[in-house]
């Protein structure tokens, strides 16, 4: 039972982070990753970038990696913030210490 509230609030925080990513992180992540992919393509193939298959693949991979990194940051930050709030709530409500004592008593009896 110990950490149950912390886990639930952590999942809630991850959901909030995912929602915030969908609203505010998807487009900027795509833009930043696309610009990085375009710069990398310019360094490899020279500027101006020709509209070939390989430069387009590199730019698309840059966009996908930018979206992935932005999503990772939003979701992990939301989950960590949720876990922290859950931990504080457990301390305030007194559930964290009572669960440990009950578990220890149960183990000794069995």
PDB file of N, CA and C in Angstrom:
ATOM      1  N   UNK A   1       0.819  -1.198   0.000  1.00  0.00           N
ATOM      2  CA  UNK A   1       0.000   0.000   0.000  1.00  0.00           C
ATOM      3  C   UNK A   1       0.862   1.261   0.000  1.00  0.00           C
ATOM      4  N   UNK A   2       2.123   1.113   0.400  1.00  0.00           N
ATOM      5  CA  UNK A   2       2.987   2.276   0.490  1.00  0.00           C
ATOM      6  C   UNK A   2       3.290   2.810  -0.913  1.00  0.00           C
ATOM      7  N   UNK A   3       3.120   4.097  -1.109  1.00  0.00           N
ATOM      8  CA  UNK A   3       3.432   4.720  -2.385  1.00  0.00           C
ATOM      9  C   UNK A   3       2.305   4.656  -3.400  1.00  0.00           C
ATOM     10  N   UNK A   4       1.144   4.184  -2.992  1.00  0.00           N
ATOM     11  CA  UNK A   4       0.024   4.055  -3.924  1.00  0.00           C
ATOM     12  C   UNK A   4      -0.466   5.422  -4.397  1.00  0.00           C
ATOM     13  N   UNK A   5      -0.609   6.350  -3.464  1.00  0.00           N
ATOM     14  CA  UNK A   5      -1.053   7.699  -3.822  1.00  0.00           C
ATOM     15  C   UNK A   5      -0.009   8.384  -4.697  1.00  0.00           C
ATOM     16  N   UNK A   6       1.249   8.182  -4.348  1.00  0.00           N
ATOM     17  CA  UNK A   6       2.335   8.772  -5.130  1.00  0.00           C
ATOM     18  C   UNK A   6       2.300   8.257  -6.568  1.00  0.00           C
ATOM     19  N   UNK A   7       2.041   6.967  -6.739  1.00  0.00           N
ATOM     20  CA  UNK A   7       1.989   6.381  -8.073  1.00  0.00           C
ATOM     21  C   UNK A   7       0.797   6.910  -8.873  1.00  0.00           C
ATOM     22  N   UNK A   8      -0.352   7.016  -8.237  1.00  0.00           N
ATOM     23  CA  UNK A   8      -1.542   7.511  -8.939  1.00  0.00           C
ATOM     24  C   UNK A   8      -1.370   8.960  -9.378  1.00  0.00           C
ATOM     25  N   UNK A   9      -0.835   9.786  -8.493  1.00  0.00           N
ATOM     26  CA  UNK A   9      -0.636  11.194  -8.841  1.00  0.00           C
ATOM     27  C   UNK A   9       0.478  11.330  -9.877  1.00  0.00           C
ATOM     28  N   UNK A  10       1.462  10.424  -9.850  1.00  0.00           N
ATOM     29  CA  UNK A  10       2.509  10.421 -10.875  1.00  0.00           C
ATOM     30  C   UNK A  10       1.950  10.117 -12.257  1.00  0.00           C
ATOM     31  N   UNK A  11       1.026   9.135 -12.319  1.00  0.00           N
ATOM     32  CA  UNK A  11       0.372   8.843 -13.603  1.00  0.00           C
ATOM     33  C   UNK A  11      -0.480  10.022 -14.068  1.00  0.00           C
ATOM     34  N   UNK A  12      -1.132  10.670 -13.136  1.00  0.00           N
ATOM     35  CA  UNK A  12      -1.919  11.850 -13.478  1.00  0.00           C
ATOM     36  C   UNK A  12      -1.016  12.959 -14.027  1.00  0.00           C
ATOM     37  N   UNK A  13       0.138  13.153 -13.404  1.00  0.00           N
ATOM     38  CA  UNK A  13       1.098  14.144 -13.894  1.00  0.00           C
ATOM     39  C   UNK A  13       1.625  13.809 -15.277  1.00  0.00           C
ATOM     40  N   UNK A  14       1.853  12.512 -15.546  1.00  0.00           N
ATOM     41  CA  UNK A  14       2.301  12.108 -16.887  1.00  0.00           C
ATOM     42  C   UNK A  14       1.214  12.391 -17.921  1.00  0.00           C
ATOM     43  N   UNK A  15      -0.042  12.173 -17.551  1.00  0.00           N
ATOM     44  CA  UNK A  15      -1.146  12.484 -18.465  1.00  0.00           C
ATOM     45  C   UNK A  15      -1.259  13.964 -18.740  1.00  0.00           C
ATOM     46  N   UNK A  16      -1.062  14.769 -17.703  1.00  0.00           N
ATOM     47  CA  UNK A  16      -1.093  16.225 -17.886  1.00  0.00           C
ATOM     48  C   UNK A  16       0.076  16.657 -18.779  1.00  0.00           C
ATOM     49  N   UNK A  17       1.254  16.059 -18.570  1.00  0.00           N
ATOM     50  CA  UNK A  17       2.409  16.372 -19.407  1.00  0.00           C
ATOM     51  C   UNK A  17       2.181  15.992 -20.858  1.00  0.00           C
ATOM     52  N   UNK A  18       1.525  14.847 -21.083  1.00  0.00           N
ATOM     53  CA  UNK A  18       1.216  14.433 -22.450  1.00  0.00           C
ATOM     54  C   UNK A  18       0.233  15.385 -23.114  1.00  0.00           C
ATOM     55  N   UNK A  19      -0.748  15.850 -22.344  1.00  0.00           N
ATOM     56  CA  UNK A  19      -1.710  16.815 -22.883  1.00  0.00           C
ATOM     57  C   UNK A  19      -1.027  18.139 -23.214  1.00  0.00           C
ATOM     58  N   UNK A  20      -0.169  18.595 -22.322  1.00  0.00           N
ATOM     59  CA  UNK A  20       0.552  19.843 -22.579  1.00  0.00           C
ATOM     60  C   UNK A  20       1.479  19.702 -23.785  1.00  0.00           C
ATOM     61  N   UNK A  21       2.063  18.511 -23.948  1.00  0.00           N
ATOM     62  CA  UNK A  21       2.902  18.280 -25.130  1.00  0.00           C
ATOM     63  C   UNK A  21       2.076  18.367 -26.402  1.00  0.00           C
ATOM     64  N   UNK A  22       0.892  17.778 -26.389  1.00  0.00           N
ATOM     65  CA  UNK A  22       0.046  17.815 -27.582  1.00  0.00           C
ATOM     66  C   UNK A  22      -0.382  19.244 -27.912  1.00  0.00           C
ATOM     67  N   UNK A  23      -0.578  20.066 -26.879  1.00  0.00           N
ATOM     68  CA  UNK A  23      -1.024  21.436 -27.112  1.00  0.00           C
ATOM     69  C   UNK A  23       0.120  22.387 -27.454  1.00  0.00           C
ATOM     70  N   UNK A  24       1.241  22.266 -26.727  1.00  0.00           N
ATOM     71  CA  UNK A  24       2.288  23.281 -26.841  1.00  0.00           C
ATOM     72  C   UNK A  24       3.649  22.774 -27.309  1.00  0.00           C
ATOM     73  N   UNK A  25       3.858  21.473 -27.411  1.00  0.00           N
ATOM     74  CA  UNK A  25       5.190  20.984 -27.721  1.00  0.00           C
ATOM     75  C   UNK A  25       5.353  20.315 -29.066  1.00  0.00           C
ATOM     76  N   UNK A  26       4.272  19.907 -29.681  1.00  0.00           N
ATOM     77  CA  UNK A  26       4.359  19.146 -30.923  1.00  0.00           C
ATOM     78  C   UNK A  26       4.905  19.996 -32.070  1.00  0.00           C
ATOM     79  N   UNK A  27       4.327  21.145 -32.289  1.00  0.00           N
ATOM     80  CA  UNK A  27       4.747  22.003 -33.397  1.00  0.00           C
ATOM     81  C   UNK A  27       6.141  22.598 -33.187  1.00  0.00           C
ATOM     82  N   UNK A  28       6.464  23.152 -31.998  1.00  0.00           N
ATOM     83  CA  UNK A  28       7.832  23.657 -31.819  1.00  0.00           C
ATOM     84  C   UNK A  28       8.894  22.564 -31.902  1.00  0.00           C
ATOM     85  N   UNK A  29       8.575  21.365 -31.404  1.00  0.00           N
ATOM     86  CA  UNK A  29       9.531  20.262 -31.521  1.00  0.00           C
ATOM     87  C   UNK A  29       9.792  19.902 -32.965  1.00  0.00           C
ATOM     88  N   UNK A  30       8.747  19.916 -33.766  1.00  0.00           N
ATOM     89  CA  UNK A  30       8.891  19.635 -35.184  1.00  0.00           C
ATOM     90  C   UNK A  30       9.708  20.724 -35.884  1.00  0.00           C
ATOM     91  N   UNK A  31       9.446  21.977 -35.546  1.00  0.00           N
ATOM     92  CA  UNK A  31      10.200  23.079 -36.152  1.00  0.00           C
ATOM     93  C   UNK A  31      11.679  23.020 -35.787  1.00  0.00           C
ATOM     94  N   UNK A  32      11.980  22.846 -34.516  1.00  0.00           N
ATOM     95  CA  UNK A  32      13.374  22.835 -34.071  1.00  0.00           C
ATOM     96  C   UNK A  32      14.110  21.634 -34.663  1.00  0.00           C
ATOM     97  N   UNK A  33      13.468  20.460 -34.646  1.00  0.00           N
ATOM     98  CA  UNK A  33      14.091  19.283 -35.251  1.00  0.00           C
ATOM     99  C   UNK A  33      14.284  19.438 -36.744  1.00  0.00           C
ATOM    100  N   UNK A  34      13.335  20.074 -37.421  1.00  0.00           N
ATOM    101  CA  UNK A  34      13.468  20.310 -38.856  1.00  0.00           C
ATOM    102  C   UNK A  34      14.611  21.248 -39.184  1.00  0.00           C
ATOM    103  N   UNK A  35      14.776  22.274 -38.382  1.00  0.00           N
ATOM    104  CA  UNK A  35      15.884  23.212 -38.607  1.00  0.00           C
ATOM    105  C   UNK A  35      17.218  22.521 -38.361  1.00  0.00           C
ATOM    106  N   UNK A  36      17.279  21.701 -37.311  1.00  0.00           N
ATOM    107  CA  UNK A  36      18.526  20.958 -37.072  1.00  0.00           C
ATOM    108  C   UNK A  36      18.816  19.976 -38.205  1.00  0.00           C
ATOM    109  N   UNK A  37      17.774  19.307 -38.700  1.00  0.00           N
ATOM    110  CA  UNK A  37      17.952  18.411 -39.842  1.00  0.00           C
ATOM    111  C   UNK A  37      18.383  19.160 -41.095  1.00  0.00           C
ATOM    112  N   UNK A  38      17.830  20.348 -41.298  1.00  0.00           N
ATOM    113  CA  UNK A  38      18.208  21.168 -42.454  1.00  0.00           C
ATOM    114  C   UNK A  38      19.655  21.634 -42.345  1.00  0.00           C
ATOM    115  N   UNK A  39      20.090  22.017 -41.149  1.00  0.00           N
ATOM    116  CA  UNK A  39      21.487  22.412 -40.958  1.00  0.00           C
ATOM    117  C   UNK A  39      22.432  21.235 -41.184  1.00  0.00           C
ATOM    118  N   UNK A  40      22.043  20.062 -40.688  1.00  0.00           N
ATOM    119  CA  UNK A  40      22.865  18.869 -40.894  1.00  0.00           C
ATOM    120  C   UNK A  40      22.939  18.506 -42.373  1.00  0.00           C
ATOM    121  N   UNK A  41      21.829  18.600 -43.062  1.00  0.00           N
ATOM    122  CA  UNK A  41      21.806  18.325 -44.498  1.00  0.00           C
ATOM    123  C   UNK A  41      22.654  19.333 -45.262  1.00  0.00           C
ATOM    124  N   UNK A  42      22.615  20.587 -44.840  1.00  0.00           N
ATOM    125  CA  UNK A  42      23.449  21.609 -45.476  1.00  0.00           C
ATOM    126  C   UNK A  42      24.927  21.338 -45.285  1.00  0.00           C
ATOM    127  N   UNK A  43      25.295  20.815 -44.099  1.00  0.00           N
ATOM    128  CA  UNK A  43      26.705  20.495 -43.868  1.00  0.00           C
ATOM    129  C   UNK A  43      27.155  19.287 -44.689  1.00  0.00           C
ATOM    130  N   UNK A  44      26.266  18.322 -44.866  1.00  0.00           N
ATOM    131  CA  UNK A  44      26.640  17.107 -45.591  1.00  0.00           C
ATOM    132  C   UNK A  44      26.616  17.322 -47.110  1.00  0.00           C
ATOM    133  N   UNK A  45      25.526  17.863 -47.624  1.00  0.00           N
ATOM    134  CA  UNK A  45      25.336  17.979 -49.073  1.00  0.00           C
ATOM    135  C   UNK A  45      25.645  19.369 -49.623  1.00  0.00           C
ATOM    136  N   UNK A  46      25.896  20.319 -48.756  1.00  0.00           N
ATOM    137  CA  UNK A  46      26.175  21.678 -49.198  1.00  0.00           C
ATOM    138  C   UNK A  46      24.894  22.498 -49.330  1.00  0.00           C
ATOM    139  N   UNK A  47      25.078  23.816 -49.286  1.00  0.00           N
ATOM    140  CA  UNK A  47      23.932  24.709 -49.428  1.00  0.00           C
ATOM    141  C   UNK A  47      23.975  25.346 -50.806  1.00  0.00           C
ATOM    142  N   UNK A  48      22.904  25.636 -51.437  1.00  0.00           N
ATOM    143  CA  UNK A  48      21.527  25.329 -51.057  1.00  0.00           C
ATOM    144  C   UNK A  48      21.243  23.832 -51.171  1.00  0.00           C
ATOM    145  N   UNK A  49      20.360  23.347 -50.318  1.00  0.00           N
ATOM    146  CA  UNK A  49      20.052  21.924 -50.267  1.00  0.00           C
ATOM    147  C   UNK A  49      19.201  21.555 -51.478  1.00  0.00           C
ATOM    148  N   UNK A  50      19.639  20.542 -52.182  1.00  0.00           N
ATOM    149  CA  UNK A  50      18.878  20.072 -53.354  1.00  0.00           C
ATOM    150  C   UNK A  50      17.711  19.203 -52.888  1.00  0.00           C
ATOM    151  N   UNK A  51      16.617  19.185 -53.640  1.00  0.00           N
ATOM    152  CA  UNK A  51      15.451  18.398 -53.221  1.00  0.00           C
ATOM    153  C   UNK A  51      15.584  16.917 -53.582  1.00  0.00           C
ATOM    154  N   UNK A  52      16.594  16.264 -53.023  1.00  0.00           N
ATOM    155  CA  UNK A  52      16.795  14.849 -53.284  1.00  0.00           C
ATOM    156  C   UNK A  52      16.135  13.990 -52.208  1.00  0.00           C
ATOM    157  N   UNK A  53      16.280  12.685 -52.370  1.00  0.00           N
ATOM    158  CA  UNK A  53      15.652  11.751 -51.434  1.00  0.00           C
ATOM    159  C   UNK A  53      16.386  11.744 -50.103  1.00  0.00           C
ATOM    160  N   UNK A  54      17.711  11.655 -50.131  1.00  0.00           N
ATOM    161  CA  UNK A  54      18.471  11.574 -48.887  1.00  0.00           C
ATOM    162  C   UNK A  54      18.373  12.834 -48.032  1.00  0.00           C
ATOM    163  N   UNK A  55      18.450  14.026 -48.613  1.00  0.00           N
ATOM    164  CA  UNK A  55      18.247  15.213 -47.770  1.00  0.00           C
ATOM    165  C   UNK A  55      16.852  15.251 -47.131  1.00  0.00           C
ATOM    166  N   UNK A  56      15.848  14.807 -47.846  1.00  0.00           N
ATOM    167  CA  UNK A  56      14.500  14.792 -47.283  1.00  0.00           C
ATOM    168  C   UNK A  56      14.395  13.789 -46.138  1.00  0.00           C
ATOM    169  N   UNK A  57      15.064  12.649 -46.278  1.00  0.00           N
ATOM    170  CA  UNK A  57      15.043  11.649 -45.205  1.00  0.00           C
ATOM    171  C   UNK A  57      15.729  12.190 -43.961  1.00  0.00           C
ATOM    172  N   UNK A  58      16.853  12.868 -44.134  1.00  0.00           N
ATOM    173  CA  UNK A  58      17.578  13.426 -42.995  1.00  0.00           C
ATOM    174  C   UNK A  58      16.738  14.498 -42.306  1.00  0.00           C
ATOM    175  N   UNK A  59      16.086  15.343 -43.063  1.00  0.00           N
ATOM    176  CA  UNK A  59      15.235  16.385 -42.481  1.00  0.00           C
ATOM    177  C   UNK A  59      14.045  15.765 -41.759  1.00  0.00           C
ATOM    178  N   UNK A  60      13.445  14.729 -42.337  1.00  0.00           N
ATOM    179  CA  UNK A  60      12.312  14.064 -41.679  1.00  0.00           C
ATOM    180  C   UNK A  60      12.747  13.392 -40.381  1.00  0.00           C
ATOM    181  N   UNK A  61      13.920  12.758 -40.380  1.00  0.00           N
ATOM    182  CA  UNK A  61      14.423  12.151 -39.147  1.00  0.00           C
ATOM    183  C   UNK A  61      14.725  13.209 -38.091  1.00  0.00           C
ATOM    184  N   UNK A  62      15.212  14.367 -38.529  1.00  0.00           N
ATOM    185  CA  UNK A  62      15.428  15.471 -37.591  1.00  0.00           C
ATOM    186  C   UNK A  62      14.120  15.953 -36.980  1.00  0.00           C
ATOM    187  N   UNK A  63      13.076  16.051 -37.787  1.00  0.00           N
ATOM    188  CA  UNK A  63      11.773  16.469 -37.278  1.00  0.00           C
ATOM    189  C   UNK A  63      11.213  15.449 -36.294  1.00  0.00           C
ATOM    190  N   UNK A  64      11.322  14.167 -36.632  1.00  0.00           N
ATOM    191  CA  UNK A  64      10.829  13.119 -35.740  1.00  0.00           C
ATOM    192  C   UNK A  64      11.597  13.095 -34.420  1.00  0.00           C
ATOM    193  N   UNK A  65      12.905  13.273 -34.488  1.00  0.00           N
ATOM    194  CA  UNK A  65      13.682  13.283 -33.252  1.00  0.00           C
ATOM    195  C   UNK A  65      13.361  14.515 -32.411  1.00  0.00           C
ATOM    196  N   UNK A  66      13.101  15.648 -33.035  1.00  0.00           N
ATOM    197  CA  UNK A  66      12.703  16.841 -32.280  1.00  0.00           C
ATOM    198  C   UNK A  66      11.378  16.644 -31.576  1.00  0.00           C
ATOM    199  N   UNK A  67      10.424  16.017 -32.243  1.00  0.00           N
ATOM    200  CA  UNK A  67       9.123  15.733 -31.625  1.00  0.00           C
ATOM    201  C   UNK A  67       9.291  14.738 -30.489  1.00  0.00           C
ATOM    202  N   UNK A  68      10.112  13.705 -30.695  1.00  0.00           N
ATOM    203  CA  UNK A  68      10.329  12.696 -29.663  1.00  0.00           C
ATOM    204  C   UNK A  68      10.973  13.288 -28.415  1.00  0.00           C
ATOM    205  N   UNK A  69      11.988  14.117 -28.596  1.00  0.00           N
ATOM    206  CA  UNK A  69      12.673  14.720 -27.453  1.00  0.00           C
ATOM    207  C   UNK A  69      11.744  15.685 -26.711  1.00  0.00           C
ATOM    208  N   UNK A  70      10.969  16.472 -27.438  1.00  0.00           N
ATOM    209  CA  UNK A  70      10.024  17.384 -26.785  1.00  0.00           C
ATOM    210  C   UNK A  70       8.971  16.602 -26.002  1.00  0.00           C
ATOM    211  N   UNK A  71       8.458  15.522 -26.576  1.00  0.00           N
ATOM    212  CA  UNK A  71       7.483  14.694 -25.870  1.00  0.00           C
ATOM    213  C   UNK A  71       8.069  14.050 -24.632  1.00  0.00           C
ATOM    214  N   UNK A  72       9.298  13.576 -24.742  1.00  0.00           N
ATOM    215  CA  UNK A  72       9.974  12.973 -23.602  1.00  0.00           C
ATOM    216  C   UNK A  72      10.145  13.973 -22.471  1.00  0.00           C
ATOM    217  N   UNK A  73      10.526  15.176 -22.805  1.00  0.00           N
ATOM    218  CA  UNK A  73      10.714  16.211 -21.781  1.00  0.00           C
ATOM    219  C   UNK A  73       9.393  16.541 -21.103  1.00  0.00           C
ATOM    220  N   UNK A  74       8.336  16.723 -21.869  1.00  0.00           N
ATOM    221  CA  UNK A  74       7.044  17.072 -21.285  1.00  0.00           C
ATOM    222  C   UNK A  74       6.509  15.954 -20.391  1.00  0.00           C
ATOM    223  N   UNK A  75       6.542  14.712 -20.866  1.00  0.00           N
ATOM    224  CA  UNK A  75       5.958  13.603 -20.114  1.00  0.00           C
ATOM    225  C   UNK A  75       6.780  13.290 -18.861  1.00  0.00           C
ATOM    226  N   UNK A  76       8.100  13.268 -18.986  1.00  0.00           N
ATOM    227  CA  UNK A  76       8.932  12.962 -17.821  1.00  0.00           C
ATOM    228  C   UNK A  76       8.821  14.070 -16.782  1.00  0.00           C
ATOM    229  N   UNK A  77       8.813  15.318 -17.207  1.00  0.00           N
ATOM    230  CA  UNK A  77       8.668  16.418 -16.259  1.00  0.00           C
ATOM    231  C   UNK A  77       7.310  16.365 -15.561  1.00  0.00           C
ATOM    232  N   UNK A  78       6.258  16.070 -16.301  1.00  0.00           N
ATOM    233  CA  UNK A  78       4.932  15.946 -15.689  1.00  0.00           C
ATOM    234  C   UNK A  78       4.865  14.801 -14.703  1.00  0.00           C
ATOM    235  N   UNK A  79       5.475  13.659 -15.034  1.00  0.00           N
ATOM    236  CA  UNK A  79       5.461  12.512 -14.133  1.00  0.00           C
ATOM    237  C   UNK A  79       6.264  12.782 -12.867  1.00  0.00           C
ATOM    238  N   UNK A  80       7.419  13.412 -13.009  1.00  0.00           N
ATOM    239  CA  UNK A  80       8.236  13.721 -11.831  1.00  0.00           C
ATOM    240  C   UNK A  80       7.530  14.736 -10.941  1.00  0.00           C
ATOM    241  N   UNK A  81       6.913  15.737 -11.530  1.00  0.00           N
ATOM    242  CA  UNK A  81       6.165  16.717 -10.743  1.00  0.00           C
ATOM    243  C   UNK A  81       4.983  16.048 -10.044  1.00  0.00           C
ATOM    244  N   UNK A  82       4.303  15.138 -10.721  1.00  0.00           N
ATOM    245  CA  UNK A  82       3.193  14.415 -10.108  1.00  0.00           C
ATOM    246  C   UNK A  82       3.652  13.536  -8.966  1.00  0.00           C
ATOM    247  N   UNK A  83       4.781  12.856  -9.132  1.00  0.00           N
ATOM    248  CA  UNK A  83       5.319  12.022  -8.058  1.00  0.00           C
ATOM    249  C   UNK A  83       5.708  12.868  -6.851  1.00  0.00           C
ATOM    250  N   UNK A  84       6.271  14.046  -7.113  1.00  0.00           N
ATOM    251  CA  UNK A  84       6.640  14.929  -6.006  1.00  0.00           C
ATOM    252  C   UNK A  84       5.402  15.397  -5.247  1.00  0.00           C
ATOM    253  N   UNK A  85       4.361  15.761  -5.973  1.00  0.00           N
ATOM    254  CA  UNK A  85       3.110  16.180  -5.320  1.00  0.00           C
ATOM    255  C   UNK A  85       2.502  15.010  -4.548  1.00  0.00           C
ATOM    256  N   UNK A  86       2.547  13.815  -5.115  1.00  0.00           N
ATOM    257  CA  UNK A  86       2.038  12.639  -4.425  1.00  0.00           C
ATOM    258  C   UNK A  86       2.818  12.323  -3.168  1.00  0.00           C
ATOM    259  N   UNK A  87       4.134  12.486  -3.221  1.00  0.00           N
ATOM    260  CA  UNK A  87       4.965  12.268  -2.043  1.00  0.00           C
ATOM    261  C   UNK A  87       4.628  13.262  -0.937  1.00  0.00           C
ATOM    262  N   UNK A  88       4.450  14.522  -1.328  1.00  0.00           N
ATOM    263  CA  UNK A  88       4.089  15.545  -0.336  1.00  0.00           C
ATOM    264  C   UNK A  88       2.716  15.249   0.250  1.00  0.00           C
ATOM    265  N   UNK A  89       1.765  14.832  -0.593  1.00  0.00           N
ATOM    266  CA  UNK A  89       0.437  14.485  -0.096  1.00  0.00           C
ATOM    267  C   UNK A  89       0.489  13.296   0.860  1.00  0.00           C
ATOM    268  N   UNK A  90       1.336  12.305   0.575  1.00  0.00           N
ATOM    269  CA  UNK A  90       1.483  11.173   1.485  1.00  0.00           C
ATOM    270  C   UNK A  90       2.035  11.618   2.832  1.00  0.00           C
ATOM    271  N   UNK A  91       2.989  12.536   2.806  1.00  0.00           N
ATOM    272  CA  UNK A  91       3.544  13.020   4.066  1.00  0.00           C
ATOM    273  C   UNK A  91       2.513  13.819   4.855  1.00  0.00           C
ATOM    274  N   UNK A  92       1.752  14.658   4.162  1.00  0.00           N
ATOM    275  CA  UNK A  92       0.757  15.489   4.841  1.00  0.00           C
ATOM    276  C   UNK A  92      -0.381  14.633   5.385  1.00  0.00           C
ATOM    277  N   UNK A  93      -0.844  13.676   4.593  1.00  0.00           N
ATOM    278  CA  UNK A  93      -1.956  12.842   5.021  1.00  0.00           C
ATOM    279  C   UNK A  93      -1.529  11.728   5.968  1.00  0.00           C
ATOM    280  N   UNK A  94      -0.237  11.470   6.082  1.00  0.00           N
ATOM    281  CA  UNK A  94       0.258  10.462   7.005  1.00  0.00           C
ATOM    282  C   UNK A  94       0.129   9.044   6.499  1.00  0.00           C
ATOM    283  N   UNK A  95      -0.087   8.850   5.215  1.00  0.00           N
ATOM    284  CA  UNK A  95      -0.240   7.504   4.675  1.00  0.00           C
ATOM    285  C   UNK A  95       1.098   6.805   4.485  1.00  0.00           C
ATOM    286  N   UNK A  96       2.145   7.564   4.286  1.00  0.00           N
ATOM    287  CA  UNK A  96       3.435   6.954   3.981  1.00  0.00           C
ATOM    288  C   UNK A  96       4.003   6.154   5.135  1.00  0.00           C
ATOM    289  N   UNK A  97       3.925   6.643   6.376  1.00  0.00           N
ATOM    290  CA  UNK A  97       4.519   5.944   7.509  1.00  0.00           C
ATOM    291  C   UNK A  97       3.615   4.842   8.032  1.00  0.00           C
ATOM    292  N   UNK A  98       2.315   5.003   7.976  1.00  0.00           N
ATOM    293  CA  UNK A  98       1.407   3.980   8.469  1.00  0.00           C
ATOM    294  C   UNK A  98       1.481   2.727   7.614  1.00  0.00           C
ATOM    295  N   UNK A  99       1.630   2.882   6.317  1.00  0.00           N
ATOM    296  CA  UNK A  99       1.699   1.735   5.422  1.00  0.00           C
ATOM    297  C   UNK A  99       2.919   0.872   5.692  1.00  0.00           C
ATOM    298  N   UNK A 100       4.032   1.493   6.064  1.00  0.00           N
ATOM    299  CA  UNK A 100       5.248   0.747   6.342  1.00  0.00           C
ATOM    300  C   UNK A 100       5.070  -0.089   7.601  1.00  0.00           C
ATOM    301  N   UNK A 101       4.509   0.489   8.644  1.00  0.00           N
ATOM    302  CA  UNK A 101       4.322  -0.239   9.892  1.00  0.00           C
ATOM    303  C   UNK A 101       3.364  -1.405   9.702  1.00  0.00           C
ATOM    304  N   UNK A 102       2.290  -1.212   8.963  1.00  0.00           N
ATOM    305  CA  UNK A 102       1.330  -2.286   8.729  1.00  0.00           C
ATOM    306  C   UNK A 102       1.955  -3.412   7.923  1.00  0.00           C
ATOM    307  N   UNK A 103       2.765  -3.095   6.938  1.00  0.00           N
ATOM    308  CA  UNK A 103       3.407  -4.112   6.123  1.00  0.00           C
ATOM    309  C   UNK A 103       4.402  -4.925   6.943  1.00  0.00           C
ATOM    310  N   UNK A 104       5.165  -4.252   7.817  1.00  0.00           N
ATOM    311  CA  UNK A 104       6.118  -4.958   8.644  1.00  0.00           C
ATOM    312  C   UNK A 104       5.438  -5.901   9.629  1.00  0.00           C
ATOM    313  N   UNK A 105       4.322  -5.476  10.199  1.00  0.00           N
ATOM    314  CA  UNK A 105       3.577  -6.318  11.119  1.00  0.00           C
ATOM    315  C   UNK A 105       3.002  -7.522  10.386  1.00  0.00           C
ATOM    316  N   UNK A 106       2.498  -7.307   9.200  1.00  0.00           N
ATOM    317  CA  UNK A 106       1.925  -8.393   8.404  1.00  0.00           C
ATOM    318  C   UNK A 106       2.994  -9.423   8.032  1.00  0.00           C
ATOM    319  N   UNK A 107       4.182  -8.983   7.704  1.00  0.00           N
ATOM    320  CA  UNK A 107       5.250  -9.911   7.333  1.00  0.00           C
ATOM    321  C   UNK A 107       5.686 -10.758   8.523  1.00  0.00           C
ATOM    322  N   UNK A 108       5.742 -10.141   9.724  1.00  0.00           N
ATOM    323  CA  UNK A 108       6.167 -10.888  10.915  1.00  0.00           C
ATOM    324  C   UNK A 108       5.122 -11.926  11.310  1.00  0.00           C
ATOM    325  N   UNK A 109       3.863 -11.646  11.106  1.00  0.00           N
ATOM    326  CA  UNK A 109       2.817 -12.583  11.478  1.00  0.00           C
ATOM    327  C   UNK A 109       2.779 -13.781  10.553  1.00  0.00           C
ATOM    328  N   UNK A 110       3.117 -13.583   9.287  1.00  0.00           N
ATOM    329  CA  UNK A 110       3.056 -14.685   8.311  1.00  0.00           C
ATOM    330  C   UNK A 110       4.269 -15.506   8.448  1.00  0.00           C
TER     331      UNK A 110
END
